[in-house]
Protein backbone atom coordinates (compact mmCIF):
# COMPACT_ATOMS: atom_id res chain seq x y z
CA MET A 1 -18.06 6.74 -13.56
CA SER A 2 -17.04 8.05 -16.84
CA TRP A 3 -16.90 11.54 -17.58
CA ASN A 4 -17.65 12.52 -21.56
CA ILE A 5 -15.78 15.86 -21.32
CA LYS A 6 -13.32 17.07 -23.91
CA LEU A 7 -10.29 19.06 -22.98
CA TYR A 8 -8.54 21.99 -24.89
CA ILE A 9 -5.94 24.25 -24.46
CA ALA A 10 -6.25 27.99 -25.37
CA ARG A 11 -3.75 30.30 -26.46
CA LEU A 12 -4.01 34.26 -26.63
CA GLU A 13 -1.19 36.36 -28.41
CA ILE A 14 -2.24 39.96 -28.60
CA PRO A 15 0.52 42.26 -30.34
CA GLU A 16 1.49 44.86 -27.71
CA GLU A 17 -0.11 47.64 -30.76
CA ARG A 18 -3.49 45.96 -30.14
CA TYR A 19 -3.61 45.42 -26.53
CA SER A 20 -6.13 47.56 -24.58
CA LYS A 21 -7.96 47.01 -21.17
CA SER A 22 -11.24 47.67 -23.10
CA LEU A 23 -10.70 44.64 -25.38
CA ASN A 24 -13.49 41.90 -25.35
CA PHE A 25 -13.62 38.52 -26.48
CA GLU A 26 -15.20 39.47 -30.07
CA ALA A 27 -11.91 42.06 -30.90
CA VAL A 28 -9.52 39.19 -29.85
CA LYS A 29 -11.31 35.62 -30.85
CA ASP A 30 -9.43 35.67 -34.25
CA LEU A 31 -6.29 35.80 -31.98
CA LEU A 32 -6.98 32.85 -30.05
CA GLU A 33 -5.50 29.43 -30.69
CA VAL A 34 -7.41 26.42 -29.63
CA ARG A 35 -6.18 22.69 -29.86
CA SER A 36 -7.43 19.61 -28.28
CA TYR A 37 -5.77 18.46 -24.85
CA ASP A 38 -3.95 15.11 -25.36
CA LYS A 39 -5.23 13.62 -21.95
CA SER A 40 -8.71 12.58 -21.36
CA TYR A 41 -10.66 14.55 -18.47
CA GLU A 42 -10.40 11.62 -16.17
CA ASP A 43 -6.56 11.38 -16.79
CA TYR A 44 -6.21 15.25 -16.20
CA ILE A 45 -7.72 15.12 -12.50
CA LYS A 46 -6.67 11.80 -11.42
CA PRO A 47 -3.25 13.21 -9.90
CA GLY A 48 -4.94 15.85 -7.95
CA LEU A 49 -7.93 13.36 -6.87
CA LEU A 50 -5.34 10.65 -5.92
CA TYR A 51 -3.14 13.26 -3.82
CA PHE A 52 -6.03 14.96 -1.98
CA THR A 53 -7.89 11.69 -1.26
CA GLU A 54 -4.45 10.06 0.03
CA ASP A 55 -5.59 6.93 -1.45
CA LEU A 56 -2.47 4.68 -0.96
CA ASN A 57 -3.65 1.61 -2.44
CA THR A 58 -4.55 3.32 -5.71
CA LEU A 59 -1.04 5.12 -5.71
CA ALA A 60 0.30 1.48 -5.13
CA LYS A 61 -1.45 0.30 -8.18
CA GLU A 62 -0.17 3.46 -10.31
CA LEU A 63 3.35 2.89 -9.29
CA ALA A 64 3.11 -1.15 -9.95
CA VAL A 65 4.09 -1.90 -6.10
CA GLU A 66 2.36 -4.14 -3.79
CA VAL A 67 2.20 -2.12 -0.51
CA ILE A 68 3.17 1.60 0.63
CA CYS A 69 3.79 2.26 4.44
CA PRO A 70 4.16 5.64 5.08
CA LYS A 71 5.46 5.17 8.44
CA GLY A 72 7.18 2.61 10.44
CA HIS A 73 6.80 1.27 14.01
CA TYR A 74 6.83 3.96 16.85
CA ILE A 75 9.00 2.63 19.46
CA MET A 76 10.16 5.08 22.24
CA GLY A 77 13.56 4.40 24.02
CA ILE A 78 15.64 3.37 21.03
CA TYR A 79 18.79 5.08 22.40
CA GLY A 80 17.42 6.14 25.96
CA GLY A 81 15.47 9.06 24.97
CA GLU A 82 16.54 13.02 25.39
CA ILE A 83 18.54 14.56 28.12
CA ARG A 84 16.32 16.31 30.02
CA ARG A 85 17.29 19.27 32.42
CA GLY A 86 18.79 17.75 35.54
CA GLU A 87 18.37 14.21 34.55
CA GLU A 88 20.74 11.76 32.56
CA LYS A 89 19.52 9.77 29.32
CA TYR A 90 17.96 6.41 30.42
CA ALA A 91 19.10 3.08 29.22
CA GLY A 92 18.11 2.29 25.38
CA LEU A 93 16.31 -0.75 23.86
CA VAL A 94 19.31 -1.04 21.34
CA LEU A 95 21.46 -3.84 22.10
CA GLU A 96 25.23 -3.15 22.82
CA GLU A 97 26.09 -6.97 22.89
CA TYR A 98 24.30 -9.95 23.36
CA LYS A 99 24.96 -13.60 23.46
CA TYR A 100 23.40 -16.98 24.05
CA ASN A 101 25.12 -19.16 26.94
CA GLY A 102 23.75 -22.33 27.42
CA THR A 103 20.08 -21.89 29.09
CA ASN A 104 20.90 -18.30 29.71
CA PHE A 105 20.87 -15.00 27.50
CA GLU A 106 23.31 -12.41 28.31
CA PHE A 107 22.73 -9.04 27.03
CA LYS A 108 24.03 -5.13 27.34
CA LEU A 109 21.36 -2.44 27.02
CA TYR A 110 22.47 0.72 25.45
CA ASN A 111 24.00 3.52 27.75
CA THR A 112 24.33 0.95 30.44
CA ARG A 113 27.29 -0.17 32.35
CA ASP A 114 26.90 -4.03 33.33
CA ILE A 115 25.51 -7.17 31.53
CA LEU A 116 22.28 -8.74 32.40
CA VAL A 117 21.75 -12.46 32.67
CA THR A 118 18.25 -14.23 32.08
CA SER A 119 16.78 -17.45 31.14
CA ILE A 120 15.84 -18.42 27.51
CA ASP A 121 12.66 -19.71 29.30
CA LEU A 122 11.85 -16.13 30.16
CA LEU A 123 12.72 -14.72 26.44
CA LYS A 124 9.88 -17.58 25.65
CA LYS A 125 7.45 -16.67 28.22
CA PHE A 126 7.36 -12.79 27.45
CA GLY A 127 7.74 -13.25 23.84
CA ILE A 128 11.20 -11.42 23.62
CA MET A 129 12.78 -11.45 20.21
CA ILE A 130 15.90 -9.78 18.80
CA TYR A 131 14.85 -7.73 15.95
CA ARG A 132 17.20 -6.04 13.08
CA MET A 133 15.79 -2.50 12.88
CA VAL A 134 16.00 0.04 10.19
CA TYR A 135 16.80 3.22 11.76
CA VAL A 136 16.60 6.67 10.21
CA GLY A 137 20.48 7.50 11.36
CA GLU A 138 21.86 4.68 9.87
CA MET A 139 20.49 5.77 6.24
CA ASN A 140 22.33 7.48 3.38
CA PRO A 141 21.42 7.84 -0.20
CA PHE A 142 21.57 4.14 -1.59
CA LYS A 143 22.83 2.99 1.64
CA LEU A 144 21.95 1.16 4.78
CA LYS A 145 24.90 1.61 6.93
CA LYS A 146 24.02 -1.05 9.38
CA TYR A 147 20.84 -2.64 11.18
CA LEU A 148 20.20 -2.12 14.77
CA ASN A 149 19.99 -4.79 17.36
CA ILE A 150 16.80 -4.17 19.41
CA ILE A 151 15.10 -5.83 22.14
CA LEU A 152 11.28 -5.94 21.87
CA SER A 153 8.34 -8.27 22.84
CA CYS A 154 6.40 -9.86 20.05
CA ASN A 155 3.58 -10.22 22.35
CA ASP A 156 2.78 -6.60 23.56
CA GLU A 157 4.49 -3.34 25.46
CA LYS A 158 3.45 -4.83 28.81
CA SER A 159 5.25 -8.02 28.14
CA LEU A 160 8.47 -6.20 27.60
CA LYS A 161 8.25 -4.02 30.63
CA GLN A 162 7.52 -7.05 32.75
CA PHE A 163 10.57 -8.96 31.15
CA LEU A 164 12.66 -6.03 31.76
CA LYS A 165 11.67 -5.65 35.56
CA LYS A 166 11.64 -9.39 36.22
CA THR A 167 15.38 -9.71 34.52
CA LEU A 168 16.58 -6.53 36.79
CA ASP A 169 15.19 -7.91 39.82
CA LEU A 170 17.15 -11.21 39.15
CA ASN A 171 20.22 -9.04 38.34
CA LEU A 172 19.93 -6.67 41.34
CA ARG A 173 23.01 -7.93 43.32
CA ASP A 174 25.28 -7.68 40.31
CA VAL A 175 24.50 -4.43 38.73
CA SER A 176 25.30 -0.95 39.57
CA ILE A 177 23.02 1.60 40.98
CA ASP A 178 23.65 3.66 37.51
CA THR A 179 22.47 0.81 35.59
CA PHE A 180 19.40 -0.07 37.87
CA ASN A 181 18.20 3.48 37.64
CA LYS A 182 18.84 3.91 33.90
CA ILE A 183 17.01 0.27 33.26
CA SER A 184 14.12 1.53 35.71
CA SER A 185 13.70 4.72 33.92
CA LEU A 186 13.40 2.81 30.67
CA ILE A 187 10.90 0.61 31.76
CA ASN A 188 8.81 3.69 32.90
CA GLU A 189 8.96 5.33 29.60
CA LEU A 190 9.23 2.87 26.74
CA LYS A 191 6.81 2.41 24.26
CA GLN A 192 6.70 -0.37 21.54
CA PRO A 193 3.41 -1.61 19.28
CA ASP A 194 1.43 -4.42 20.37
CA ASN A 195 1.60 -6.01 16.72
CA ILE A 196 5.19 -5.91 15.29
CA THR A 197 5.23 -6.36 11.28
CA HIS A 198 8.62 -7.56 10.03
CA LEU A 199 9.52 -7.38 6.26
CA ASN A 200 9.14 -10.45 4.10
CA VAL A 201 12.15 -11.98 3.17
CA ASP A 202 10.64 -13.16 -0.26
CA LYS A 203 9.91 -9.60 -1.26
CA TYR A 204 11.82 -6.45 -2.28
CA TYR A 205 11.82 -2.99 -0.68
CA VAL A 206 12.33 0.63 -1.27
CA VAL A 207 13.29 2.40 2.00
CA TYR A 208 13.32 6.00 2.52
CA ARG A 209 13.41 8.84 5.18
CA CYS A 210 9.90 9.89 5.72
CA ASP A 211 11.02 13.31 7.30
CA GLY A 212 13.20 16.08 5.61
CA VAL A 213 15.51 14.85 2.96
CA PHE A 214 14.07 11.54 1.34
CA THR A 215 16.92 9.86 0.50
CA ALA A 216 16.13 6.35 -0.26
CA PHE A 217 17.65 2.61 -0.83
CA ALA A 218 16.62 -0.77 -1.95
CA LEU A 219 16.38 -3.64 0.50
CA LYS A 220 15.88 -7.26 0.41
CA PRO A 221 15.75 -8.69 3.94
CA ILE A 222 17.69 -11.64 4.72
CA GLU A 223 16.13 -12.74 8.20
CA ASN A 224 12.56 -12.92 9.17
CA ASN A 225 13.19 -10.20 11.99
CA VAL A 226 13.72 -6.83 10.08
CA ILE A 227 11.69 -3.95 11.09
CA ILE A 228 11.11 -0.40 10.18
CA GLU A 229 10.96 2.43 12.81
CA SER A 230 8.63 5.64 12.70
CA HIS A 231 10.78 8.03 10.80
CA VAL A 232 11.35 5.51 7.91
CA SER A 233 8.55 4.96 5.22
CA TYR A 234 8.67 2.06 2.91
CA THR A 235 7.07 0.38 -0.32
CA MET A 236 7.14 -3.38 -0.77
CA CYS A 237 7.94 -4.51 -4.25
CA ASN A 238 7.39 -7.55 -6.23
CA SER A 239 10.61 -7.66 -7.89
CA GLU A 240 14.30 -6.56 -7.47
CA ALA A 241 14.20 -4.53 -10.72
CA ILE A 242 11.23 -2.16 -9.20
CA ALA A 243 13.05 -1.80 -6.08
CA TYR A 244 16.20 -0.64 -7.56
CA TYR A 245 14.27 1.36 -9.85
CA TYR A 246 12.26 3.57 -7.41
CA ALA A 247 15.58 3.78 -5.06
CA ALA A 248 17.15 5.49 -8.07
CA ILE A 249 13.91 7.94 -8.81
CA LEU A 250 13.69 9.20 -4.97
CA ASN A 251 16.98 10.01 -4.88
CA TYR A 252 17.01 11.93 -8.09
CA LEU A 253 13.90 13.81 -7.02
CA ALA A 254 15.73 14.37 -3.60
CA TYR A 255 18.60 15.78 -5.45
CA LYS A 256 16.58 17.96 -7.67
CA VAL A 257 15.38 19.95 -4.21
CA VAL A 258 19.19 20.22 -3.32
CA GLU A 259 20.18 21.51 -6.99
CA TYR A 260 17.16 24.07 -6.94
CA ASN A 261 18.26 25.13 -3.57
CA ARG A 262 15.22 24.49 -1.96
CA SER A 263 13.83 23.47 1.45
CA PHE A 264 12.70 20.09 2.27
CA ASN A 265 9.26 19.62 3.98
CA ARG A 266 9.70 18.63 7.49
CA HIS A 267 7.28 15.63 7.19
CA GLN A 268 7.06 13.44 3.73
CA PHE A 269 5.59 10.44 4.41
CA ALA A 270 4.13 9.43 0.97
CA ARG A 271 4.68 12.59 -0.78
CA PRO A 272 7.71 11.66 -2.61
CA LEU A 273 5.94 8.66 -3.89
CA PHE A 274 3.08 11.19 -5.22
CA SER A 275 5.85 13.13 -6.69
CA ILE A 276 7.11 10.22 -8.64
CA TYR A 277 3.56 9.53 -10.03
CA LEU A 278 3.13 13.47 -11.08
CA THR A 279 6.52 13.61 -12.95
CA ASP A 280 5.48 10.47 -15.06
CA LEU A 281 8.38 8.79 -13.61
CA SER A 282 6.61 5.36 -12.07
CA TRP A 283 7.50 1.96 -13.35
CA ASN A 284 4.56 1.70 -15.97
CA ASP A 285 5.33 5.29 -17.65
CA MET A 286 8.87 4.50 -18.28
CA ASP A 287 10.12 2.65 -21.59
CA ASN A 288 11.95 -0.61 -21.17
CA GLU A 289 15.13 0.46 -22.67
CA THR A 290 15.43 3.37 -19.98
CA LYS A 291 14.26 1.40 -16.91
CA GLU A 292 16.82 -1.44 -17.77
CA LYS A 293 19.77 1.25 -17.64
CA ILE A 294 18.21 3.36 -14.62
CA ILE A 295 18.04 -0.34 -12.85
CA GLU A 296 21.76 -1.27 -13.80
CA LEU A 297 22.82 2.40 -12.68
CA SER A 298 21.00 2.06 -9.56
CA LYS A 299 22.55 -1.11 -8.66
CA LEU A 300 26.18 0.19 -9.21
CA ILE A 301 25.53 3.33 -7.21
CA HIS A 302 24.48 0.87 -4.24
CA LYS A 303 27.59 -0.63 -4.23
CA LYS A 304 29.79 2.39 -4.23
CA ALA A 305 27.65 4.64 -1.92
CA SER A 306 29.37 5.43 1.01
CA ASP A 307 28.80 4.39 4.65
CA LYS A 308 30.43 7.48 6.31
CA GLU A 309 28.84 9.62 8.69
CA TYR A 310 27.56 13.01 7.02
CA PRO A 311 26.46 16.14 8.71
CA ASN A 312 23.44 15.96 6.98
CA GLN A 313 21.65 14.43 4.12
CA ARG A 314 22.14 17.44 1.73
CA VAL A 315 25.96 16.89 1.98
CA ALA A 316 25.17 13.15 1.42
CA LEU A 317 23.55 13.69 -1.74
CA LYS A 318 26.30 16.18 -2.77
CA ASP A 319 29.03 13.28 -2.31
CA ILE A 320 26.63 10.76 -4.23
CA ALA A 321 26.47 13.40 -7.16
CA SER A 322 30.07 13.46 -7.77
CA LEU A 323 29.81 9.62 -8.92
CA GLN A 324 29.85 9.28 -12.77
CA GLU A 325 27.16 6.78 -12.31
CA PHE A 326 24.69 9.15 -10.62
CA LYS A 327 25.70 12.00 -13.23
CA GLU A 328 24.75 9.67 -15.99
CA LEU A 329 21.55 8.74 -14.12
CA MET A 330 20.77 12.56 -13.63
CA LYS A 331 21.22 13.06 -17.30
CA ILE A 332 18.84 10.25 -18.60
CA LEU A 333 16.29 11.24 -15.98
CA ASP A 334 16.61 15.07 -16.80
CA SER A 335 15.95 14.11 -20.39
CA LYS A 336 12.69 12.15 -19.70
CA VAL A 337 10.91 14.54 -17.21
CA ASP A 338 8.68 17.38 -18.00
CA LYS A 339 9.96 20.77 -16.14
CA GLU A 340 6.48 22.07 -15.50
CA LYS A 341 5.38 18.47 -14.02
CA LEU A 342 8.73 18.40 -11.98
CA GLU A 343 7.93 21.75 -10.56
CA LEU A 344 4.62 20.64 -9.59
CA ALA A 345 5.98 17.18 -7.88
CA LEU A 346 8.66 19.43 -6.12
CA ASN A 347 6.11 21.59 -4.51
CA LEU A 348 4.72 18.54 -2.77
CA VAL A 349 8.07 17.66 -0.83
CA SER A 350 9.83 21.05 -0.54
CA GLY A 351 9.38 24.85 -0.28
CA LYS A 352 11.04 27.42 -2.57
CA ASN A 353 13.13 29.12 0.44
CA SER A 354 16.58 27.74 0.91
CA GLU A 355 17.65 25.76 3.88
CA GLN A 356 21.09 24.65 3.35
CA ASN A 357 21.40 22.53 6.50
CA SER A 358 18.06 20.59 6.66
CA ASP A 359 18.79 17.08 7.02
């Protein structure tokens, strides 16, 4: 549908000596400046329509990326759940150690004392695989500190529970009562998707936190078993350049929230990507020379970014901001972004009240 509507900007300047509440249009029309708006009606309303309809396919097209996934896999029992009143944490699905030993598979689950021994045939029967998981707690600006090795079933949740119960029964004489109880609780509590989607080794990705401070990094999976958990969002790109470009833009916008002393929204999902679109910082909106410089700086910052533990991601961003390359990146993007559009975009991902310790 095409709207044949022309837009104009009207500006009225009334000198103080002529201002009165009784003024009408006829009295001030000679003080009204009207000029054509430089966008069509379709272009003007597109950002609002795109945001409120939450059309991720259209947003992906506008950003020149392939797929937008606002949330990874929901998995319960990664680290054994929360400590409840009068109860201890149960076992976690994260593997503290594991190895293949002949026809056997030996592994130790998080928060347990004992190594379990099972057969490789049993792994195959229940579709058990070791996945490399991108976990929110291992993410810093421009940096994935490490993958978590996690045991899941490529069949379904029921198969994972059956495998753990069968393996626990096989090791009943050799494990402590503490390990038995913790794994039994894990079996009752764990959740995993029936269909697990892993990242494509032939693609590049931008990965960012989908809650609070949406710090990001570029990723090229090196194995066919890399998965994303539910506190993380990601975007699949068809080139390395686009991935590094958007990692830089996302961290820039996250830092602007910190710089303006604003609070981050609790849940972000695709909002940071809508913010990129609203600020005209998308891949298609940027000139080639600037894009190349941003990509170059992003790669350098990725190499220098720290994998240390931070109290929260605000502190991590302030640490990154001390790098000369990030200062240069900020200067470039500050010169390109429209301040009014930036304000509108930041309103999508943050509030105006300060929240210094938000993560």
